[in-house]
């Protein structure tokens, strides 16, 4: 499954780049995460303007882990389509090895669906494992999150509103100067 997903990832990314951007983002979202050989829950919380904290609870055939990541988001075509990267750590329990843990990285893309309160994400989350038979893992996954708390933004990230702000500032400046032929 990972190979077929990786082959389809460029097509998915190209499709997402051609879709129009919606006029809102999210602050808090909760959903499911599906990958090859694992599944679980994911929650994202915006903590700064372009930064989220993500918690992931994963189940594998012989392992249960919890991961916390801090992620930095960068817009593509406005606030609805983002790519992001981040880092964090995980800890859990393996049936054969007992307590396990490690360090994680994350690279992905997400799309806040227009009109609907859902975020769809595809990511690559390599991890360095401690106390496990696999030292390195390179899983990919798809997440679908329901937006619990949305954040209102302007269309296309406000790129069209900058001109309005400049015009408004010029009008204020004219009214302060008194206008007219001899006004200061």
N, C-alpha and C. Protein backbone atom coordinates (compact mmCIF):
# COMPACT_ATOMS: atom_id res chain seq x y z
N UNK A 1 0.81 -1.21 0.00
CA UNK A 1 0.00 0.00 0.00
C UNK A 1 0.85 1.27 0.00
N UNK A 2 1.96 1.36 0.74
CA UNK A 2 2.70 2.61 0.75
C UNK A 2 3.21 3.00 -0.63
N UNK A 3 3.61 2.00 -1.43
CA UNK A 3 4.15 2.33 -2.75
C UNK A 3 3.07 2.90 -3.66
N UNK A 4 1.86 2.34 -3.62
CA UNK A 4 0.79 2.87 -4.47
C UNK A 4 0.38 4.27 -3.99
N UNK A 5 0.39 4.49 -2.68
CA UNK A 5 0.05 5.80 -2.16
C UNK A 5 1.10 6.83 -2.58
N UNK A 6 2.38 6.46 -2.48
CA UNK A 6 3.45 7.39 -2.85
C UNK A 6 3.39 7.73 -4.34
N UNK A 7 3.00 6.77 -5.18
CA UNK A 7 2.87 7.06 -6.61
C UNK A 7 1.73 8.01 -6.88
N UNK A 8 0.68 7.95 -6.07
CA UNK A 8 -0.50 8.81 -6.27
C UNK A 8 -0.35 10.17 -5.60
N UNK A 9 0.60 10.32 -4.71
CA UNK A 9 0.76 11.57 -3.98
C UNK A 9 0.99 12.78 -4.89
N UNK A 10 1.85 12.72 -5.94
CA UNK A 10 2.00 13.88 -6.82
C UNK A 10 0.70 14.24 -7.55
N UNK A 11 -0.09 13.25 -7.92
CA UNK A 11 -1.37 13.53 -8.59
C UNK A 11 -2.32 14.21 -7.61
N UNK A 12 -2.36 13.72 -6.37
CA UNK A 12 -3.19 14.34 -5.35
C UNK A 12 -2.76 15.78 -5.09
N UNK A 13 -1.46 16.01 -4.99
CA UNK A 13 -0.95 17.36 -4.76
C UNK A 13 -1.30 18.29 -5.92
N UNK A 14 -1.18 17.81 -7.16
CA UNK A 14 -1.53 18.63 -8.33
C UNK A 14 -3.01 18.97 -8.33
N UNK A 15 -3.84 18.00 -7.96
CA UNK A 15 -5.28 18.24 -7.89
C UNK A 15 -5.61 19.29 -6.84
N UNK A 16 -5.00 19.18 -5.68
CA UNK A 16 -5.26 20.14 -4.61
C UNK A 16 -4.82 21.54 -4.99
N UNK A 17 -3.76 21.67 -5.77
CA UNK A 17 -3.27 22.99 -6.17
C UNK A 17 -4.22 23.69 -7.14
N UNK A 18 -5.04 22.94 -7.86
CA UNK A 18 -5.94 23.53 -8.84
C UNK A 18 -7.29 23.93 -8.26
N UNK A 19 -7.58 23.52 -7.04
CA UNK A 19 -8.88 23.80 -6.44
C UNK A 19 -8.91 25.19 -5.82
N UNK A 20 -10.08 25.84 -5.81
CA UNK A 20 -10.17 27.19 -5.24
C UNK A 20 -10.03 27.17 -3.72
N UNK A 21 -9.52 28.25 -3.18
CA UNK A 21 -9.35 28.36 -1.73
C UNK A 21 -10.64 28.86 -1.09
N UNK A 22 -10.97 28.33 0.08
CA UNK A 22 -12.15 28.77 0.80
C UNK A 22 -11.79 29.98 1.65
N UNK A 23 -12.79 30.54 2.31
CA UNK A 23 -12.58 31.78 3.03
C UNK A 23 -12.38 31.59 4.52
N UNK A 24 -12.15 30.39 5.01
CA UNK A 24 -11.92 30.21 6.43
C UNK A 24 -10.96 29.07 6.71
N UNK A 25 -10.31 29.18 7.86
CA UNK A 25 -9.40 28.15 8.34
C UNK A 25 -9.99 27.60 9.63
N UNK A 26 -9.15 26.89 10.39
CA UNK A 26 -9.63 26.32 11.64
C UNK A 26 -8.66 26.62 12.77
N UNK A 27 -9.16 26.54 13.99
CA UNK A 27 -8.33 26.66 15.17
C UNK A 27 -8.15 25.29 15.83
N UNK A 28 -9.23 24.49 15.86
CA UNK A 28 -9.19 23.18 16.50
C UNK A 28 -9.89 22.17 15.61
N UNK A 29 -9.24 21.02 15.39
CA UNK A 29 -9.84 19.96 14.56
C UNK A 29 -9.50 18.60 15.15
N UNK A 30 -10.44 17.65 15.02
CA UNK A 30 -10.30 16.32 15.57
C UNK A 30 -10.74 15.30 14.53
N UNK A 31 -9.98 14.21 14.36
CA UNK A 31 -10.37 13.23 13.36
C UNK A 31 -9.64 11.92 13.43
N UNK A 32 -9.66 11.20 12.30
CA UNK A 32 -9.05 9.89 12.20
C UNK A 32 -7.83 9.96 11.30
N UNK A 33 -6.91 9.03 11.54
CA UNK A 33 -5.67 8.94 10.77
C UNK A 33 -5.52 7.50 10.31
N UNK A 34 -5.34 7.32 9.00
CA UNK A 34 -5.22 5.99 8.43
C UNK A 34 -3.92 5.88 7.65
N UNK A 35 -3.11 4.88 8.00
CA UNK A 35 -1.85 4.66 7.31
C UNK A 35 -1.68 3.18 7.02
N UNK A 36 -0.56 2.81 6.47
CA UNK A 36 -0.31 1.40 6.19
C UNK A 36 0.08 0.69 7.49
N UNK A 37 -0.74 -0.21 7.94
CA UNK A 37 -0.45 -0.97 9.15
C UNK A 37 -0.76 -0.25 10.45
N UNK A 38 -1.35 0.94 10.39
CA UNK A 38 -1.71 1.64 11.62
C UNK A 38 -2.92 2.53 11.38
N UNK A 39 -3.62 2.82 12.45
CA UNK A 39 -4.75 3.73 12.41
C UNK A 39 -4.90 4.37 13.78
N UNK A 40 -5.62 5.47 13.84
CA UNK A 40 -5.76 6.12 15.12
C UNK A 40 -6.53 7.42 15.05
N UNK A 41 -6.34 8.23 16.07
CA UNK A 41 -7.00 9.53 16.20
C UNK A 41 -5.96 10.63 16.11
N UNK A 42 -6.38 11.79 15.60
CA UNK A 42 -5.50 12.95 15.51
C UNK A 42 -6.27 14.19 15.93
N UNK A 43 -5.60 15.08 16.64
CA UNK A 43 -6.19 16.35 17.06
C UNK A 43 -5.16 17.44 16.80
N UNK A 44 -5.62 18.55 16.21
CA UNK A 44 -4.73 19.69 15.97
C UNK A 44 -5.31 20.92 16.65
N UNK A 45 -4.43 21.68 17.27
CA UNK A 45 -4.81 22.93 17.93
C UNK A 45 -3.86 24.02 17.49
N UNK A 46 -4.39 25.11 16.97
CA UNK A 46 -3.57 26.25 16.58
C UNK A 46 -3.11 26.94 17.85
N UNK A 47 -1.77 27.15 17.97
CA UNK A 47 -1.25 27.81 19.17
C UNK A 47 -0.64 29.17 18.86
N UNK A 48 -0.17 29.38 17.63
CA UNK A 48 0.31 30.67 17.15
C UNK A 48 -0.24 30.87 15.75
N UNK A 49 0.05 32.02 15.15
CA UNK A 49 -0.55 32.33 13.84
C UNK A 49 -0.31 31.24 12.79
N UNK A 50 0.89 30.70 12.71
CA UNK A 50 1.20 29.68 11.70
C UNK A 50 1.67 28.37 12.33
N UNK A 51 1.35 28.15 13.60
CA UNK A 51 1.87 26.99 14.31
C UNK A 51 0.73 26.21 14.99
N UNK A 52 0.78 24.89 14.84
CA UNK A 52 -0.19 24.03 15.51
C UNK A 52 0.53 23.01 16.37
N UNK A 53 -0.20 22.51 17.33
CA UNK A 53 0.23 21.41 18.16
C UNK A 53 -0.66 20.24 17.76
N UNK A 54 -0.06 19.10 17.40
CA UNK A 54 -0.85 17.94 16.98
C UNK A 54 -0.58 16.78 17.91
N UNK A 55 -1.64 16.14 18.32
CA UNK A 55 -1.56 14.93 19.11
C UNK A 55 -2.09 13.77 18.28
N UNK A 56 -1.36 12.65 18.29
CA UNK A 56 -1.76 11.48 17.51
C UNK A 56 -1.74 10.26 18.43
N UNK A 57 -2.83 9.51 18.47
CA UNK A 57 -2.90 8.24 19.19
C UNK A 57 -2.99 7.15 18.12
N UNK A 58 -1.99 6.25 18.06
CA UNK A 58 -1.93 5.24 17.01
C UNK A 58 -1.99 3.82 17.56
N UNK A 59 -2.65 2.96 16.81
CA UNK A 59 -2.69 1.53 17.09
C UNK A 59 -2.03 0.80 15.94
N UNK A 60 -1.10 -0.09 16.28
CA UNK A 60 -0.50 -1.01 15.31
C UNK A 60 -0.84 -2.42 15.78
N UNK A 61 -0.45 -3.41 15.03
CA UNK A 61 -0.82 -4.78 15.39
C UNK A 61 -0.32 -5.19 16.77
N UNK A 62 0.85 -4.74 17.20
CA UNK A 62 1.40 -5.14 18.50
C UNK A 62 1.83 -3.93 19.34
N UNK A 63 1.33 -2.73 18.98
CA UNK A 63 1.85 -1.52 19.62
C UNK A 63 0.77 -0.44 19.71
N UNK A 64 0.84 0.32 20.80
CA UNK A 64 -0.01 1.49 20.99
C UNK A 64 0.92 2.64 21.34
N UNK A 65 0.80 3.78 20.62
CA UNK A 65 1.67 4.94 20.91
C UNK A 65 0.87 6.23 20.89
N UNK A 66 1.42 7.20 21.56
CA UNK A 66 0.91 8.56 21.54
C UNK A 66 2.04 9.49 21.10
N UNK A 67 1.73 10.41 20.18
CA UNK A 67 2.73 11.32 19.63
C UNK A 67 2.28 12.75 19.83
N UNK A 68 3.20 13.65 20.13
CA UNK A 68 2.94 15.08 20.18
C UNK A 68 3.93 15.76 19.24
N UNK A 69 3.40 16.58 18.33
CA UNK A 69 4.22 17.28 17.34
C UNK A 69 3.90 18.77 17.34
N UNK A 70 4.90 19.58 17.12
CA UNK A 70 4.67 21.00 16.87
C UNK A 70 4.95 21.22 15.39
N UNK A 71 4.02 21.88 14.70
CA UNK A 71 4.09 21.99 13.24
C UNK A 71 3.96 23.44 12.80
N UNK A 72 4.72 23.78 11.79
CA UNK A 72 4.70 25.12 11.19
C UNK A 72 4.01 25.02 9.84
N UNK A 73 2.99 25.86 9.59
CA UNK A 73 2.19 25.81 8.37
C UNK A 73 2.53 26.97 7.45
N UNK A 74 2.51 26.69 6.15
CA UNK A 74 2.78 27.68 5.12
C UNK A 74 1.69 27.61 4.07
N UNK A 75 1.02 28.73 3.77
CA UNK A 75 -0.10 28.69 2.83
C UNK A 75 0.33 28.47 1.38
N UNK A 76 -0.53 27.77 0.66
CA UNK A 76 -0.41 27.61 -0.79
C UNK A 76 -1.76 28.09 -1.32
N UNK A 77 -1.80 29.11 -2.11
CA UNK A 77 -3.05 29.62 -2.68
C UNK A 77 -4.05 30.07 -1.62
N UNK A 78 -3.61 30.66 -0.56
CA UNK A 78 -4.52 31.16 0.46
C UNK A 78 -4.52 30.30 1.71
N UNK A 79 -5.42 30.61 2.66
CA UNK A 79 -5.38 29.95 3.97
C UNK A 79 -5.93 28.53 3.99
N UNK A 80 -6.61 28.07 2.95
CA UNK A 80 -7.24 26.76 2.99
C UNK A 80 -6.31 25.61 2.61
N UNK A 81 -5.30 25.88 1.83
CA UNK A 81 -4.37 24.84 1.40
C UNK A 81 -3.00 25.17 1.97
N UNK A 82 -2.45 24.25 2.77
CA UNK A 82 -1.17 24.48 3.45
C UNK A 82 -0.24 23.30 3.27
N UNK A 83 1.05 23.58 3.30
CA UNK A 83 2.02 22.52 3.53
C UNK A 83 2.60 22.81 4.90
N UNK A 84 3.10 21.79 5.55
CA UNK A 84 3.61 21.98 6.90
C UNK A 84 4.73 20.99 7.19
N UNK A 85 5.52 21.33 8.17
CA UNK A 85 6.54 20.42 8.68
C UNK A 85 6.66 20.63 10.17
N UNK A 86 7.16 19.62 10.85
CA UNK A 86 7.28 19.73 12.29
C UNK A 86 8.11 18.61 12.88
N UNK A 87 8.16 18.60 14.21
CA UNK A 87 8.93 17.60 14.93
C UNK A 87 8.29 17.36 16.29
N UNK A 88 8.62 16.22 16.86
CA UNK A 88 8.07 15.89 18.17
C UNK A 88 8.60 14.57 18.68
N UNK A 89 7.84 13.95 19.57
CA UNK A 89 8.26 12.69 20.18
C UNK A 89 7.04 11.81 20.42
N UNK A 90 7.31 10.53 20.59
CA UNK A 90 6.22 9.59 20.89
C UNK A 90 6.65 8.63 21.99
N UNK A 91 5.65 8.06 22.65
CA UNK A 91 5.87 7.06 23.68
C UNK A 91 4.69 6.10 23.65
N UNK A 92 4.94 4.87 24.11
CA UNK A 92 3.85 3.90 24.11
C UNK A 92 4.27 2.56 24.66
N UNK A 93 3.54 1.55 24.25
CA UNK A 93 3.75 0.20 24.76
C UNK A 93 3.72 -0.79 23.60
N UNK A 94 4.72 -1.67 23.55
CA UNK A 94 4.81 -2.73 22.55
C UNK A 94 4.65 -4.06 23.27
N UNK A 95 3.90 -4.99 22.69
CA UNK A 95 3.66 -6.28 23.35
C UNK A 95 4.94 -7.08 23.60
N UNK A 96 5.93 -6.95 22.73
CA UNK A 96 7.16 -7.73 22.88
C UNK A 96 8.26 -7.00 23.63
N UNK A 97 8.33 -5.68 23.51
CA UNK A 97 9.46 -4.91 24.05
C UNK A 97 9.11 -4.07 25.27
N UNK A 98 7.86 -3.98 25.61
CA UNK A 98 7.45 -3.16 26.75
C UNK A 98 7.35 -1.70 26.35
N UNK A 99 7.88 -0.83 27.19
CA UNK A 99 7.81 0.61 26.92
C UNK A 99 8.68 0.97 25.72
N UNK A 100 8.12 1.75 24.80
CA UNK A 100 8.85 2.21 23.62
C UNK A 100 8.68 3.72 23.50
N UNK A 101 9.54 4.32 22.71
CA UNK A 101 9.46 5.76 22.48
C UNK A 101 10.38 6.14 21.35
N UNK A 102 10.41 7.42 21.05
CA UNK A 102 11.30 7.89 20.00
C UNK A 102 11.00 9.31 19.60
N UNK A 103 11.64 9.71 18.51
CA UNK A 103 11.53 11.07 17.99
C UNK A 103 10.92 11.04 16.60
N UNK A 104 10.12 12.04 16.28
CA UNK A 104 9.38 12.07 15.03
C UNK A 104 9.62 13.37 14.27
N UNK A 105 9.50 13.28 12.96
CA UNK A 105 9.45 14.45 12.09
C UNK A 105 8.14 14.34 11.32
N UNK A 106 7.71 15.42 10.70
CA UNK A 106 6.45 15.40 9.95
C UNK A 106 6.56 16.37 8.78
N UNK A 107 6.15 15.91 7.60
CA UNK A 107 6.04 16.75 6.41
C UNK A 107 4.72 16.38 5.76
N UNK A 108 3.89 17.39 5.44
CA UNK A 108 2.61 17.06 4.85
C UNK A 108 1.93 18.24 4.19
N UNK A 109 0.75 17.98 3.67
CA UNK A 109 -0.10 19.01 3.07
C UNK A 109 -1.52 18.79 3.57
N UNK A 110 -2.23 19.89 3.79
CA UNK A 110 -3.61 19.79 4.25
C UNK A 110 -4.49 20.76 3.48
N UNK A 111 -5.76 20.40 3.38
CA UNK A 111 -6.73 21.22 2.65
C UNK A 111 -8.00 21.32 3.47
N UNK A 112 -8.38 22.54 3.82
CA UNK A 112 -9.65 22.80 4.49
C UNK A 112 -10.70 22.84 3.39
N UNK A 113 -11.61 21.87 3.40
CA UNK A 113 -12.61 21.78 2.34
C UNK A 113 -13.52 23.01 2.33
N UNK A 114 -13.85 23.53 1.13
CA UNK A 114 -14.75 24.67 1.06
C UNK A 114 -16.14 24.27 1.55
N UNK A 115 -16.76 25.14 2.28
CA UNK A 115 -18.12 25.02 2.81
C UNK A 115 -18.22 23.95 3.90
N UNK A 116 -17.63 22.79 3.71
CA UNK A 116 -17.72 21.69 4.68
C UNK A 116 -16.73 21.88 5.83
N UNK A 117 -17.08 21.42 7.03
CA UNK A 117 -16.19 21.60 8.19
C UNK A 117 -15.16 20.48 8.34
N UNK A 118 -14.45 20.16 7.26
CA UNK A 118 -13.46 19.08 7.29
C UNK A 118 -12.12 19.54 6.75
N UNK A 119 -11.05 18.95 7.29
CA UNK A 119 -9.68 19.16 6.82
C UNK A 119 -9.16 17.79 6.40
N UNK A 120 -8.62 17.70 5.18
CA UNK A 120 -8.03 16.46 4.68
C UNK A 120 -6.52 16.68 4.59
N UNK A 121 -5.75 15.75 5.12
CA UNK A 121 -4.30 15.89 5.13
C UNK A 121 -3.63 14.59 4.69
N UNK A 122 -2.49 14.74 4.01
CA UNK A 122 -1.63 13.61 3.66
C UNK A 122 -0.24 13.95 4.17
N UNK A 123 0.41 12.99 4.84
CA UNK A 123 1.72 13.32 5.41
C UNK A 123 2.68 12.14 5.39
N UNK A 124 3.93 12.47 5.66
CA UNK A 124 5.04 11.54 5.78
C UNK A 124 5.63 11.80 7.15
N UNK A 125 5.67 10.77 8.03
CA UNK A 125 6.10 10.95 9.43
C UNK A 125 7.22 9.97 9.78
N UNK A 126 8.46 10.27 9.36
CA UNK A 126 9.55 9.39 9.74
C UNK A 126 9.81 9.47 11.25
N UNK A 127 10.21 8.32 11.81
CA UNK A 127 10.47 8.31 13.25
C UNK A 127 11.71 7.47 13.56
N UNK A 128 12.41 7.90 14.60
CA UNK A 128 13.56 7.19 15.14
C UNK A 128 13.07 6.49 16.40
N UNK A 129 13.20 5.19 16.45
CA UNK A 129 12.64 4.39 17.53
C UNK A 129 13.69 4.04 18.59
N UNK A 130 13.27 4.06 19.85
CA UNK A 130 14.09 3.60 20.97
C UNK A 130 13.43 2.35 21.54
N UNK A 131 14.21 1.36 21.93
CA UNK A 131 13.71 0.13 22.54
C UNK A 131 12.69 -0.59 21.65
N UNK A 132 13.04 -0.74 20.38
CA UNK A 132 12.16 -1.40 19.43
C UNK A 132 13.03 -2.14 18.42
N UNK A 133 12.50 -3.15 17.76
CA UNK A 133 13.30 -3.88 16.77
C UNK A 133 13.50 -3.09 15.48
N UNK A 134 12.62 -2.14 15.22
CA UNK A 134 12.77 -1.25 14.06
C UNK A 134 13.35 0.08 14.54
N UNK A 135 14.54 0.43 14.10
CA UNK A 135 15.16 1.69 14.54
C UNK A 135 14.57 2.88 13.81
N UNK A 136 14.25 2.71 12.55
CA UNK A 136 13.69 3.79 11.75
C UNK A 136 12.40 3.33 11.09
N UNK A 137 11.42 4.21 11.06
CA UNK A 137 10.16 3.94 10.36
C UNK A 137 9.89 5.12 9.43
N UNK A 138 9.23 4.83 8.32
CA UNK A 138 8.92 5.86 7.34
C UNK A 138 7.45 5.77 6.90
N UNK A 139 6.50 5.93 7.82
CA UNK A 139 5.09 5.76 7.47
C UNK A 139 4.50 6.99 6.77
N UNK A 140 3.53 6.72 5.93
CA UNK A 140 2.70 7.77 5.33
C UNK A 140 1.27 7.54 5.80
N UNK A 141 0.48 8.59 5.79
CA UNK A 141 -0.91 8.45 6.25
C UNK A 141 -1.77 9.55 5.67
N UNK A 142 -3.06 9.31 5.75
CA UNK A 142 -4.07 10.29 5.37
C UNK A 142 -4.93 10.53 6.61
N UNK A 143 -5.22 11.80 6.89
CA UNK A 143 -6.07 12.15 8.03
C UNK A 143 -7.27 12.94 7.53
N UNK A 144 -8.40 12.71 8.17
CA UNK A 144 -9.60 13.50 7.93
C UNK A 144 -10.04 14.01 9.29
N UNK A 145 -10.07 15.34 9.43
CA UNK A 145 -10.42 15.95 10.72
C UNK A 145 -11.67 16.80 10.58
N UNK A 146 -12.50 16.76 11.61
CA UNK A 146 -13.69 17.61 11.69
C UNK A 146 -13.28 18.90 12.40
N UNK A 147 -13.65 20.04 11.85
CA UNK A 147 -13.31 21.33 12.44
C UNK A 147 -14.26 21.61 13.59
N UNK A 148 -13.71 21.64 14.80
CA UNK A 148 -14.50 21.94 15.99
C UNK A 148 -14.63 23.44 16.21
N UNK A 149 -13.54 24.17 16.01
CA UNK A 149 -13.54 25.63 16.16
C UNK A 149 -12.93 26.21 14.90
N UNK A 150 -13.71 27.00 14.16
CA UNK A 150 -13.19 27.59 12.93
C UNK A 150 -12.71 29.01 13.18
N UNK A 151 -11.89 29.48 12.25
CA UNK A 151 -11.35 30.83 12.34
C UNK A 151 -11.71 31.57 11.07
N UNK A 152 -12.36 32.66 11.20
CA UNK A 152 -12.74 33.45 10.04
C UNK A 152 -11.53 34.19 9.50
N UNK A 153 -11.37 34.11 8.19
CA UNK A 153 -10.34 34.87 7.50
C UNK A 153 -10.95 35.44 6.24
N UNK A 154 -10.26 36.32 5.59
CA UNK A 154 -10.76 36.90 4.36
C UNK A 154 -10.44 36.00 3.18
N UNK A 155 -11.11 36.21 2.08
CA UNK A 155 -10.93 35.41 0.87
C UNK A 155 -9.49 35.49 0.40
N UNK A 156 -8.91 34.33 0.08
CA UNK A 156 -7.54 34.23 -0.44
C UNK A 156 -6.52 34.90 0.48
N UNK A 157 -6.77 34.84 1.77
CA UNK A 157 -5.81 35.36 2.74
C UNK A 157 -5.73 36.87 2.76
N UNK A 158 -6.73 37.57 2.19
CA UNK A 158 -6.76 39.03 2.21
C UNK A 158 -5.90 39.69 1.16
N UNK A 159 -5.47 38.97 0.13
CA UNK A 159 -4.59 39.58 -0.86
C UNK A 159 -5.30 40.70 -1.63
N UNK A 160 -6.64 40.64 -1.69
CA UNK A 160 -7.38 41.68 -2.39
C UNK A 160 -7.75 42.83 -1.47
N UNK A 161 -7.66 42.63 -0.18
CA UNK A 161 -8.04 43.66 0.77
C UNK A 161 -6.95 44.66 1.05
N UNK A 162 -5.75 44.39 0.68
CA UNK A 162 -4.67 45.33 0.92
C UNK A 162 -4.91 46.63 0.16
N UNK A 163 -5.41 46.53 -1.06
CA UNK A 163 -5.74 47.73 -1.83
C UNK A 163 -6.83 48.53 -1.14
N UNK A 164 -7.84 47.85 -0.57
CA UNK A 164 -8.91 48.54 0.14
C UNK A 164 -8.34 49.29 1.35
N UNK A 165 -7.43 48.65 2.08
CA UNK A 165 -6.82 49.28 3.26
C UNK A 165 -6.03 50.52 2.86
N UNK A 166 -5.30 50.45 1.75
CA UNK A 166 -4.52 51.60 1.28
C UNK A 166 -5.43 52.74 0.90
N UNK A 167 -6.54 52.45 0.19
CA UNK A 167 -7.49 53.49 -0.19
C UNK A 167 -8.12 54.13 1.04
N UNK A 168 -8.48 53.31 2.04
CA UNK A 168 -9.08 53.81 3.27
C UNK A 168 -8.09 54.73 4.00
N UNK A 169 -6.80 54.33 4.05
CA UNK A 169 -5.78 55.16 4.70
C UNK A 169 -5.60 56.49 3.98
N UNK A 170 -5.65 56.49 2.64
CA UNK A 170 -5.52 57.73 1.87
C UNK A 170 -6.70 58.66 2.13
N UNK A 171 -7.93 58.09 2.24
CA UNK A 171 -9.11 58.90 2.53
C UNK A 171 -8.99 59.54 3.91
N UNK A 172 -8.51 58.78 4.89
CA UNK A 172 -8.34 59.32 6.24
C UNK A 172 -7.31 60.44 6.23
N UNK A 173 -6.23 60.25 5.48
CA UNK A 173 -5.18 61.26 5.40
C UNK A 173 -5.71 62.54 4.77
N UNK A 174 -6.53 62.42 3.72
CA UNK A 174 -7.11 63.61 3.07
C UNK A 174 -8.03 64.35 4.02
N UNK A 175 -8.85 63.60 4.78
CA UNK A 175 -9.78 64.26 5.69
C UNK A 175 -9.04 64.96 6.81
N UNK A 176 -7.91 64.46 7.25
CA UNK A 176 -7.12 65.12 8.30
C UNK A 176 -6.45 66.38 7.78
N UNK A 177 -6.06 66.36 6.52
CA UNK A 177 -5.36 67.54 5.99
C UNK A 177 -6.32 68.68 5.69
N UNK A 178 -7.60 68.41 5.77
CA UNK A 178 -8.57 69.48 5.56
C UNK A 178 -9.00 69.57 4.11
N UNK A 179 -8.24 69.02 3.20
CA UNK A 179 -8.62 69.03 1.79
C UNK A 179 -8.73 70.44 1.26
N UNK A 180 -9.49 70.67 0.20
CA UNK A 180 -9.72 72.00 -0.36
C UNK A 180 -8.48 72.56 -1.02
N UNK A 181 -8.64 73.78 -1.55
CA UNK A 181 -7.58 74.41 -2.31
C UNK A 181 -6.45 74.90 -1.41
N UNK A 182 -6.80 75.47 -0.25
CA UNK A 182 -5.76 76.02 0.62
C UNK A 182 -5.59 75.24 1.93
N UNK A 183 -6.19 74.04 2.04
CA UNK A 183 -6.14 73.28 3.28
C UNK A 183 -4.76 72.66 3.51
N UNK A 184 -4.39 72.49 4.79
CA UNK A 184 -3.12 71.85 5.15
C UNK A 184 -3.35 70.46 5.60
